């Protein structure tokens, strides 16, 4: 009788353990494990180029970007302090994956509106990249009808379209690739040349193509070094403009990211720094600037 009782108790115990294992397995099967890779970039921009970071749903970002004049002239204009330009931008997260932004820059008195949206998200096991689309429309209100009597409103418009592809390689290093298409309704005049007593004008094509490359390397929990470079693929051979190279540091301080950088392009809208990067690092002709973002 005692042996029978032991067998009954052992059977019930074994059944209870199996039932618990089945229940745990069922519960674990219902748990969705988050495989997404986040924080490839802390700032909305690498330096000049957009990063794959987006504002979260219902977040409102206020971004102040300031770019001093060239440091090349030294004390004549206090290393560019006298010729600074500023851009003010508001960015709103419609959803976690869709942003809209509006901005105004004192450089050429340009206004801009952009859409930024996530197409793919990098995963720990699976998708190796984050892919984000970026579309920008700018209006150049600085064009003067006194010098361009046939100017129409459409001539003030420029369209920029980018695919931003990033990969967080590890906890320290993130990389970015940004194929870019810029369409200028009024093409940039990039050179005026005197040849045999004749003045020749060289304009860029209305459709221009570029590749942006960039990266972020985390130095400490709050500091990182960021670099980006734009390769203008069909710039005309006579152009006075240069490809934009930018080097900077990010400082994360709670509610905002402060970016300090040096670049050879004073413009801050994409078509400006890609097409009209006027400085030359080799001649010491570059600009100091910063981006300060605050989220509400």
Foldseek 3Di string as FASTA:
>chain_A
DVVVVVVVVVVVVVVVVVVVVVVVVVVVVPDDDAFFDDCQDPDCPLAQHGALQADAAFKKKKKKKKWFFWQLVPPVCPRRNNPMKIKIKIKHHNHRFKIKMWMFIPVLGKIKIKIKGWDDTDGNPDRQKTKMKMKMKMFRPNDDCVVVVPDDRLQRIKIKIWIWIKGNPDPFKIKIKIKMKIAHSNFAFFDWDQDPNDIDTDTFDRIWIKMKIKMWGDDDPFKIKIKMWIGTDRDDPRGQADTKIKIWMWGDDPFKIKIKIKIQFNDRPPCRRGVHSNGDVVSSTIIIMMMIMGMD
